[in-house]
Amino acid sequence: MSLQLEYKSSVKKELRKLSSPDRLAIINKIQQLKTEPRPMGSAKLKGSIDLFRIRHGDYHVIYQLKKDVLIVLIIRIGHRREVYKKM
């Protein structure tokens, strides 16, 4: 089963702020969500029905898993101390 990836418009801007090695590693992890939407180490966010997060070092990727239409929506990427602000 392969899922479709979608990104909020702000995600591209957040990715540009990261260093090149971190950016490449995070993009790789996001691409892996197509085949495994809940990889080892992913966590469901408390208080939500369909929001999850994956980590890369100090960075978190917040995503929404839409099972009924087979879409993974990447919502936010950022440092762990800032990524949950303004959500």
PDB file of N, CA and C in Angstrom:
ATOM      1  N   MET A   1       0.842  -1.178   0.000  1.00  0.00           N
ATOM      2  CA  MET A   1       0.000   0.000   0.000  1.00  0.00           C
ATOM      3  C   MET A   1       0.889   1.243   0.000  1.00  0.00           C
ATOM      4  N   SER A   2       0.645   2.116  -0.944  1.00  0.00           N
ATOM      5  CA  SER A   2       1.411   3.351  -1.033  1.00  0.00           C
ATOM      6  C   SER A   2       0.470   4.535  -0.826  1.00  0.00           C
ATOM      7  N   LEU A   3       0.867   5.411   0.047  1.00  0.00           N
ATOM      8  CA  LEU A   3       0.071   6.594   0.355  1.00  0.00           C
ATOM      9  C   LEU A   3       0.577   7.790  -0.440  1.00  0.00           C
ATOM     10  N   GLN A   4      -0.265   8.762  -0.605  1.00  0.00           N
ATOM     11  CA  GLN A   4       0.097  10.007  -1.272  1.00  0.00           C
ATOM     12  C   GLN A   4       0.564  11.004  -0.216  1.00  0.00           C
ATOM     13  N   LEU A   5       1.609  11.758  -0.520  1.00  0.00           N
ATOM     14  CA  LEU A   5       2.104  12.789   0.393  1.00  0.00           C
ATOM     15  C   LEU A   5       1.613  14.155  -0.056  1.00  0.00           C
ATOM     16  N   GLU A   6       1.149  14.946   0.884  1.00  0.00           N
ATOM     17  CA  GLU A   6       0.784  16.342   0.630  1.00  0.00           C
ATOM     18  C   GLU A   6       1.469  17.193   1.689  1.00  0.00           C
ATOM     19  N   TYR A   7       1.748  18.432   1.337  1.00  0.00           N
ATOM     20  CA  TYR A   7       2.445  19.347   2.234  1.00  0.00           C
ATOM     21  C   TYR A   7       1.652  20.628   2.376  1.00  0.00           C
ATOM     22  N   LYS A   8       1.598  21.161   3.586  1.00  0.00           N
ATOM     23  CA  LYS A   8       1.091  22.516   3.758  1.00  0.00           C
ATOM     24  C   LYS A   8       2.107  23.456   3.115  1.00  0.00           C
ATOM     25  N   SER A   9       1.684  24.601   2.673  1.00  0.00           N
ATOM     26  CA  SER A   9       2.583  25.522   1.977  1.00  0.00           C
ATOM     27  C   SER A   9       3.738  26.002   2.859  1.00  0.00           C
ATOM     28  N   SER A  10       3.529  26.052   4.159  1.00  0.00           N
ATOM     29  CA  SER A  10       4.579  26.540   5.068  1.00  0.00           C
ATOM     30  C   SER A  10       5.712  25.532   5.262  1.00  0.00           C
ATOM     31  N   VAL A  11       5.500  24.282   4.904  1.00  0.00           N
ATOM     32  CA  VAL A  11       6.514  23.244   5.135  1.00  0.00           C
ATOM     33  C   VAL A  11       7.765  23.493   4.299  1.00  0.00           C
ATOM     34  N   LYS A  12       7.610  23.940   3.068  1.00  0.00           N
ATOM     35  CA  LYS A  12       8.776  24.213   2.219  1.00  0.00           C
ATOM     36  C   LYS A  12       9.653  25.292   2.839  1.00  0.00           C
ATOM     37  N   LYS A  13       9.040  26.311   3.392  1.00  0.00           N
ATOM     38  CA  LYS A  13       9.781  27.390   4.041  1.00  0.00           C
ATOM     39  C   LYS A  13      10.517  26.854   5.275  1.00  0.00           C
ATOM     40  N   GLU A  14       9.852  25.995   6.047  1.00  0.00           N
ATOM     41  CA  GLU A  14      10.473  25.424   7.238  1.00  0.00           C
ATOM     42  C   GLU A  14      11.649  24.526   6.858  1.00  0.00           C
ATOM     43  N   LEU A  15      11.528  23.785   5.767  1.00  0.00           N
ATOM     44  CA  LEU A  15      12.625  22.938   5.317  1.00  0.00           C
ATOM     45  C   LEU A  15      13.840  23.757   4.891  1.00  0.00           C
ATOM     46  N   ARG A  16      13.611  24.887   4.232  1.00  0.00           N
ATOM     47  CA  ARG A  16      14.726  25.742   3.782  1.00  0.00           C
ATOM     48  C   ARG A  16      15.554  26.277   4.936  1.00  0.00           C
ATOM     49  N   LYS A  17      14.965  26.402   6.109  1.00  0.00           N
ATOM     50  CA  LYS A  17      15.676  26.932   7.273  1.00  0.00           C
ATOM     51  C   LYS A  17      16.665  25.925   7.858  1.00  0.00           C
ATOM     52  N   LEU A  18      16.517  24.647   7.525  1.00  0.00           N
ATOM     53  CA  LEU A  18      17.348  23.597   8.114  1.00  0.00           C
ATOM     54  C   LEU A  18      18.675  23.471   7.380  1.00  0.00           C
ATOM     55  N   SER A  19      19.661  22.901   8.073  1.00  0.00           N
ATOM     56  CA  SER A  19      20.942  22.627   7.425  1.00  0.00           C
ATOM     57  C   SER A  19      20.736  21.526   6.385  1.00  0.00           C
ATOM     58  N   SER A  20      21.615  21.475   5.411  1.00  0.00           N
ATOM     59  CA  SER A  20      21.474  20.523   4.315  1.00  0.00           C
ATOM     60  C   SER A  20      21.404  19.058   4.780  1.00  0.00           C
ATOM     61  N   PRO A  21      22.295  18.610   5.691  1.00  0.00           N
ATOM     62  CA  PRO A  21      22.200  17.208   6.134  1.00  0.00           C
ATOM     63  C   PRO A  21      20.882  16.896   6.850  1.00  0.00           C
ATOM     64  N   ASP A  22      20.423  17.820   7.693  1.00  0.00           N
ATOM     65  CA  ASP A  22      19.150  17.610   8.387  1.00  0.00           C
ATOM     66  C   ASP A  22      17.991  17.607   7.392  1.00  0.00           C
ATOM     67  N   ARG A  23      18.024  18.533   6.446  1.00  0.00           N
ATOM     68  CA  ARG A  23      16.966  18.627   5.442  1.00  0.00           C
ATOM     69  C   ARG A  23      16.851  17.322   4.658  1.00  0.00           C
ATOM     70  N   LEU A  24      17.975  16.796   4.190  1.00  0.00           N
ATOM     71  CA  LEU A  24      17.963  15.558   3.405  1.00  0.00           C
ATOM     72  C   LEU A  24      17.458  14.374   4.221  1.00  0.00           C
ATOM     73  N   ALA A  25      17.882  14.286   5.471  1.00  0.00           N
ATOM     74  CA  ALA A  25      17.441  13.184   6.334  1.00  0.00           C
ATOM     75  C   ALA A  25      15.945  13.269   6.609  1.00  0.00           C
ATOM     76  N   ILE A  26      15.432  14.461   6.833  1.00  0.00           N
ATOM     77  CA  ILE A  26      14.002  14.633   7.106  1.00  0.00           C
ATOM     78  C   ILE A  26      13.179  14.332   5.856  1.00  0.00           C
ATOM     79  N   ILE A  27      13.634  14.779   4.704  1.00  0.00           N
ATOM     80  CA  ILE A  27      12.922  14.466   3.464  1.00  0.00           C
ATOM     81  C   ILE A  27      12.889  12.964   3.239  1.00  0.00           C
ATOM     82  N   ASN A  28      13.979  12.290   3.534  1.00  0.00           N
ATOM     83  CA  ASN A  28      14.031  10.834   3.403  1.00  0.00           C
ATOM     84  C   ASN A  28      13.013  10.169   4.333  1.00  0.00           C
ATOM     85  N   LYS A  29      12.932  10.636   5.574  1.00  0.00           N
ATOM     86  CA  LYS A  29      11.962  10.075   6.518  1.00  0.00           C
ATOM     87  C   LYS A  29      10.531  10.337   6.067  1.00  0.00           C
ATOM     88  N   ILE A  30      10.285  11.510   5.513  1.00  0.00           N
ATOM     89  CA  ILE A  30       8.950  11.837   5.017  1.00  0.00           C
ATOM     90  C   ILE A  30       8.586  10.912   3.852  1.00  0.00           C
ATOM     91  N   GLN A  31       9.534  10.672   2.951  1.00  0.00           N
ATOM     92  CA  GLN A  31       9.278   9.786   1.815  1.00  0.00           C
ATOM     93  C   GLN A  31       8.952   8.365   2.275  1.00  0.00           C
ATOM     94  N   GLN A  32       9.560   7.941   3.366  1.00  0.00           N
ATOM     95  CA  GLN A  32       9.289   6.600   3.892  1.00  0.00           C
ATOM     96  C   GLN A  32       7.878   6.474   4.455  1.00  0.00           C
ATOM     97  N   LEU A  33       7.238   7.605   4.774  1.00  0.00           N
ATOM     98  CA  LEU A  33       5.862   7.575   5.268  1.00  0.00           C
ATOM     99  C   LEU A  33       4.893   7.065   4.206  1.00  0.00           C
ATOM    100  N   LYS A  34       5.278   7.129   2.943  1.00  0.00           N
ATOM    101  CA  LYS A  34       4.418   6.629   1.866  1.00  0.00           C
ATOM    102  C   LYS A  34       4.116   5.143   2.034  1.00  0.00           C
ATOM    103  N   THR A  35       5.122   4.392   2.448  1.00  0.00           N
ATOM    104  CA  THR A  35       4.941   2.946   2.573  1.00  0.00           C
ATOM    105  C   THR A  35       4.671   2.515   4.009  1.00  0.00           C
ATOM    106  N   GLU A  36       5.142   3.286   4.971  1.00  0.00           N
ATOM    107  CA  GLU A  36       4.937   2.952   6.387  1.00  0.00           C
ATOM    108  C   GLU A  36       4.504   4.209   7.127  1.00  0.00           C
ATOM    109  N   PRO A  37       3.176   4.471   7.215  1.00  0.00           N
ATOM    110  CA  PRO A  37       2.699   5.714   7.816  1.00  0.00           C
ATOM    111  C   PRO A  37       2.903   5.808   9.330  1.00  0.00           C
ATOM    112  N   ARG A  38       3.153   4.689   9.966  1.00  0.00           N
ATOM    113  CA  ARG A  38       3.447   4.696  11.410  1.00  0.00           C
ATOM    114  C   ARG A  38       4.745   3.942  11.665  1.00  0.00           C
ATOM    115  N   PRO A  39       5.874   4.542  11.295  1.00  0.00           N
ATOM    116  CA  PRO A  39       7.160   3.850  11.474  1.00  0.00           C
ATOM    117  C   PRO A  39       7.517   3.716  12.954  1.00  0.00           C
ATOM    118  N   MET A  40       8.464   2.844  13.220  1.00  0.00           N
ATOM    119  CA  MET A  40       8.945   2.680  14.587  1.00  0.00           C
ATOM    120  C   MET A  40       9.461   4.030  15.084  1.00  0.00           C
ATOM    121  N   GLY A  41       9.041   4.427  16.261  1.00  0.00           N
ATOM    122  CA  GLY A  41       9.453   5.713  16.818  1.00  0.00           C
ATOM    123  C   GLY A  41       8.445   6.822  16.586  1.00  0.00           C
ATOM    124  N   SER A  42       7.436   6.578  15.770  1.00  0.00           N
ATOM    125  CA  SER A  42       6.404   7.602  15.589  1.00  0.00           C
ATOM    126  C   SER A  42       5.507   7.616  16.821  1.00  0.00           C
ATOM    127  N   ALA A  43       4.871   8.739  17.055  1.00  0.00           N
ATOM    128  CA  ALA A  43       4.004   8.861  18.228  1.00  0.00           C
ATOM    129  C   ALA A  43       2.750   9.628  17.854  1.00  0.00           C
ATOM    130  N   LYS A  44       1.637   9.186  18.376  1.00  0.00           N
ATOM    131  CA  LYS A  44       0.374   9.883  18.197  1.00  0.00           C
ATOM    132  C   LYS A  44       0.358  11.061  19.159  1.00  0.00           C
ATOM    133  N   LEU A  45      -0.082  12.217  18.683  1.00  0.00           N
ATOM    134  CA  LEU A  45      -0.137  13.392  19.541  1.00  0.00           C
ATOM    135  C   LEU A  45      -1.368  13.327  20.431  1.00  0.00           C
ATOM    136  N   LYS A  46      -1.165  13.605  21.695  1.00  0.00           N
ATOM    137  CA  LYS A  46      -2.267  13.576  22.651  1.00  0.00           C
ATOM    138  C   LYS A  46      -3.302  14.631  22.297  1.00  0.00           C
ATOM    139  N   GLY A  47      -4.559  14.281  22.490  1.00  0.00           N
ATOM    140  CA  GLY A  47      -5.639  15.223  22.240  1.00  0.00           C
ATOM    141  C   GLY A  47      -6.038  15.338  20.781  1.00  0.00           C
ATOM    142  N   SER A  48      -5.497  14.488  19.930  1.00  0.00           N
ATOM    143  CA  SER A  48      -5.870  14.527  18.519  1.00  0.00           C
ATOM    144  C   SER A  48      -6.261  13.124  18.059  1.00  0.00           C
ATOM    145  N   ILE A  49      -7.004  13.084  16.998  1.00  0.00           N
ATOM    146  CA  ILE A  49      -7.451  11.803  16.469  1.00  0.00           C
ATOM    147  C   ILE A  49      -6.470  11.250  15.444  1.00  0.00           C
ATOM    148  N   ASP A  50      -5.929  12.136  14.601  1.00  0.00           N
ATOM    149  CA  ASP A  50      -5.139  11.664  13.473  1.00  0.00           C
ATOM    150  C   ASP A  50      -3.803  12.381  13.282  1.00  0.00           C
ATOM    151  N   LEU A  51      -3.268  13.036  14.316  1.00  0.00           N
ATOM    152  CA  LEU A  51      -1.974  13.711  14.220  1.00  0.00           C
ATOM    153  C   LEU A  51      -0.887  12.839  14.843  1.00  0.00           C
ATOM    154  N   PHE A  52       0.247  12.753  14.129  1.00  0.00           N
ATOM    155  CA  PHE A  52       1.381  11.962  14.578  1.00  0.00           C
ATOM    156  C   PHE A  52       2.647  12.795  14.429  1.00  0.00           C
ATOM    157  N   ARG A  53       3.734  12.293  15.011  1.00  0.00           N
ATOM    158  CA  ARG A  53       5.023  12.959  14.839  1.00  0.00           C
ATOM    159  C   ARG A  53       6.109  11.915  14.668  1.00  0.00           C
ATOM    160  N   ILE A  54       7.116  12.290  13.889  1.00  0.00           N
ATOM    161  CA  ILE A  54       8.341  11.514  13.793  1.00  0.00           C
ATOM    162  C   ILE A  54       9.476  12.453  14.126  1.00  0.00           C
ATOM    163  N   ARG A  55      10.599  11.887  14.520  1.00  0.00           N
ATOM    164  CA  ARG A  55      11.745  12.694  14.952  1.00  0.00           C
ATOM    165  C   ARG A  55      12.949  12.470  14.060  1.00  0.00           C
ATOM    166  N   HIS A  56      13.758  13.506  14.001  1.00  0.00           N
ATOM    167  CA  HIS A  56      15.111  13.404  13.474  1.00  0.00           C
ATOM    168  C   HIS A  56      15.959  14.310  14.357  1.00  0.00           C
ATOM    169  N   GLY A  57      16.711  13.735  15.260  1.00  0.00           N
ATOM    170  CA  GLY A  57      17.509  14.528  16.194  1.00  0.00           C
ATOM    171  C   GLY A  57      16.619  15.439  17.012  1.00  0.00           C
ATOM    172  N   ASP A  58      16.874  16.740  16.945  1.00  0.00           N
ATOM    173  CA  ASP A  58      16.080  17.723  17.687  1.00  0.00           C
ATOM    174  C   ASP A  58      14.884  18.232  16.889  1.00  0.00           C
ATOM    175  N   TYR A  59      14.664  17.701  15.709  1.00  0.00           N
ATOM    176  CA  TYR A  59      13.579  18.163  14.858  1.00  0.00           C
ATOM    177  C   TYR A  59      12.429  17.165  14.836  1.00  0.00           C
ATOM    178  N   HIS A  60      11.225  17.698  14.784  1.00  0.00           N
ATOM    179  CA  HIS A  60      10.022  16.880  14.718  1.00  0.00           C
ATOM    180  C   HIS A  60       9.261  17.215  13.448  1.00  0.00           C
ATOM    181  N   VAL A  61       8.647  16.205  12.868  1.00  0.00           N
ATOM    182  CA  VAL A  61       7.755  16.366  11.720  1.00  0.00           C
ATOM    183  C   VAL A  61       6.365  16.001  12.214  1.00  0.00           C
ATOM    184  N   ILE A  62       5.450  16.943  12.132  1.00  0.00           N
ATOM    185  CA  ILE A  62       4.062  16.719  12.529  1.00  0.00           C
ATOM    186  C   ILE A  62       3.280  16.409  11.260  1.00  0.00           C
ATOM    187  N   TYR A  63       2.536  15.298  11.279  1.00  0.00           N
ATOM    188  CA  TYR A  63       1.763  14.945  10.099  1.00  0.00           C
ATOM    189  C   TYR A  63       0.410  14.382  10.479  1.00  0.00           C
ATOM    190  N   GLN A  64      -0.494  14.471   9.523  1.00  0.00           N
ATOM    191  CA  GLN A  64      -1.855  13.986   9.700  1.00  0.00           C
ATOM    192  C   GLN A  64      -2.047  12.791   8.781  1.00  0.00           C
ATOM    193  N   LEU A  65      -2.588  11.729   9.327  1.00  0.00           N
ATOM    194  CA  LEU A  65      -2.836  10.519   8.553  1.00  0.00           C
ATOM    195  C   LEU A  65      -4.316  10.450   8.221  1.00  0.00           C
ATOM    196  N   LYS A  66      -4.624  10.622   6.942  1.00  0.00           N
ATOM    197  CA  LYS A  66      -6.014  10.578   6.475  1.00  0.00           C
ATOM    198  C   LYS A  66      -6.247   9.211   5.847  1.00  0.00           C
ATOM    199  N   LYS A  67      -6.743   8.277   6.638  1.00  0.00           N
ATOM    200  CA  LYS A  67      -6.893   6.905   6.181  1.00  0.00           C
ATOM    201  C   LYS A  67      -7.948   6.738   5.102  1.00  0.00           C
ATOM    202  N   ASP A  68      -9.020   7.481   5.193  1.00  0.00           N
ATOM    203  CA  ASP A  68     -10.116   7.279   4.249  1.00  0.00           C
ATOM    204  C   ASP A  68      -9.749   7.635   2.813  1.00  0.00           C
ATOM    205  N   VAL A  69      -8.737   8.486   2.609  1.00  0.00           N
ATOM    206  CA  VAL A  69      -8.320   8.851   1.259  1.00  0.00           C
ATOM    207  C   VAL A  69      -6.848   8.527   1.001  1.00  0.00           C
ATOM    208  N   LEU A  70      -6.196   7.797   1.889  1.00  0.00           N
ATOM    209  CA  LEU A  70      -4.808   7.373   1.742  1.00  0.00           C
ATOM    210  C   LEU A  70      -3.848   8.524   1.490  1.00  0.00           C
ATOM    211  N   ILE A  71      -3.900   9.518   2.365  1.00  0.00           N
ATOM    212  CA  ILE A  71      -3.038  10.705   2.255  1.00  0.00           C
ATOM    213  C   ILE A  71      -2.310  10.936   3.575  1.00  0.00           C
ATOM    214  N   VAL A  72      -1.031  11.270   3.466  1.00  0.00           N
ATOM    215  CA  VAL A  72      -0.257  11.740   4.610  1.00  0.00           C
ATOM    216  C   VAL A  72      -0.024  13.225   4.375  1.00  0.00           C
ATOM    217  N   LEU A  73      -0.572  14.077   5.226  1.00  0.00           N
ATOM    218  CA  LEU A  73      -0.435  15.528   5.102  1.00  0.00           C
ATOM    219  C   LEU A  73       0.636  16.004   6.074  1.00  0.00           C
ATOM    220  N   ILE A  74       1.743  16.521   5.552  1.00  0.00           N
ATOM    221  CA  ILE A  74       2.820  17.051   6.386  1.00  0.00           C
ATOM    222  C   ILE A  74       2.410  18.450   6.810  1.00  0.00           C
ATOM    223  N   ILE A  75       2.270  18.647   8.121  1.00  0.00           N
ATOM    224  CA  ILE A  75       1.745  19.898   8.651  1.00  0.00           C
ATOM    225  C   ILE A  75       2.846  20.859   9.065  1.00  0.00           C
ATOM    226  N   ARG A  76       3.852  20.359   9.750  1.00  0.00           N
ATOM    227  CA  ARG A  76       4.849  21.261  10.318  1.00  0.00           C
ATOM    228  C   ARG A  76       6.162  20.539  10.527  1.00  0.00           C
ATOM    229  N   ILE A  77       7.271  21.248  10.352  1.00  0.00           N
ATOM    230  CA  ILE A  77       8.611  20.744  10.629  1.00  0.00           C
ATOM    231  C   ILE A  77       9.323  21.817  11.418  1.00  0.00           C
ATOM    232  N   GLY A  78       9.958  21.436  12.514  1.00  0.00           N
ATOM    233  CA  GLY A  78      10.681  22.429  13.296  1.00  0.00           C
ATOM    234  C   GLY A  78      11.397  21.833  14.477  1.00  0.00           C
ATOM    235  N   HIS A  79      12.158  22.668  15.139  1.00  0.00           N
ATOM    236  CA  HIS A  79      12.880  22.258  16.331  1.00  0.00           C
ATOM    237  C   HIS A  79      11.876  21.846  17.400  1.00  0.00           C
ATOM    238  N   ARG A  80      12.244  20.874  18.185  1.00  0.00           N
ATOM    239  CA  ARG A  80      11.295  20.295  19.148  1.00  0.00           C
ATOM    240  C   ARG A  80      10.768  21.296  20.154  1.00  0.00           C
ATOM    241  N   ARG A  81      11.509  22.333  20.467  1.00  0.00           N
ATOM    242  CA  ARG A  81      11.022  23.300  21.454  1.00  0.00           C
ATOM    243  C   ARG A  81      10.063  24.317  20.841  1.00  0.00           C
ATOM    244  N   GLU A  82      10.018  24.389  19.496  1.00  0.00           N
ATOM    245  CA  GLU A  82       9.185  25.388  18.842  1.00  0.00           C
ATOM    246  C   GLU A  82       8.079  24.809  17.971  1.00  0.00           C
ATOM    247  N   VAL A  83       8.166  23.545  17.622  1.00  0.00           N
ATOM    248  CA  VAL A  83       7.276  22.974  16.609  1.00  0.00           C
ATOM    249  C   VAL A  83       5.814  22.933  17.050  1.00  0.00           C
ATOM    250  N   TYR A  84       5.539  22.858  18.351  1.00  0.00           N
ATOM    251  CA  TYR A  84       4.166  22.748  18.829  1.00  0.00           C
ATOM    252  C   TYR A  84       3.524  24.103  19.107  1.00  0.00           C
ATOM    253  N   LYS A  85       4.296  25.174  19.050  1.00  0.00           N
ATOM    254  CA  LYS A  85       3.733  26.517  19.235  1.00  0.00           C
ATOM    255  C   LYS A  85       2.902  26.875  18.015  1.00  0.00           C
ATOM    256  N   LYS A  86       1.870  27.648  18.203  1.00  0.00           N
ATOM    257  CA  LYS A  86       0.981  28.095  17.134  1.00  0.00           C
ATOM    258  C   LYS A  86       0.279  26.948  16.426  1.00  0.00           C
ATOM    259  N   MET A  87       0.003  25.882  17.134  1.00  0.00           N
ATOM    260  CA  MET A  87      -0.767  24.766  16.542  1.00  0.00           C
ATOM    261  C   MET A  87      -2.151  24.761  17.104  1.00  0.00           C
TER     262      MET A  87
END
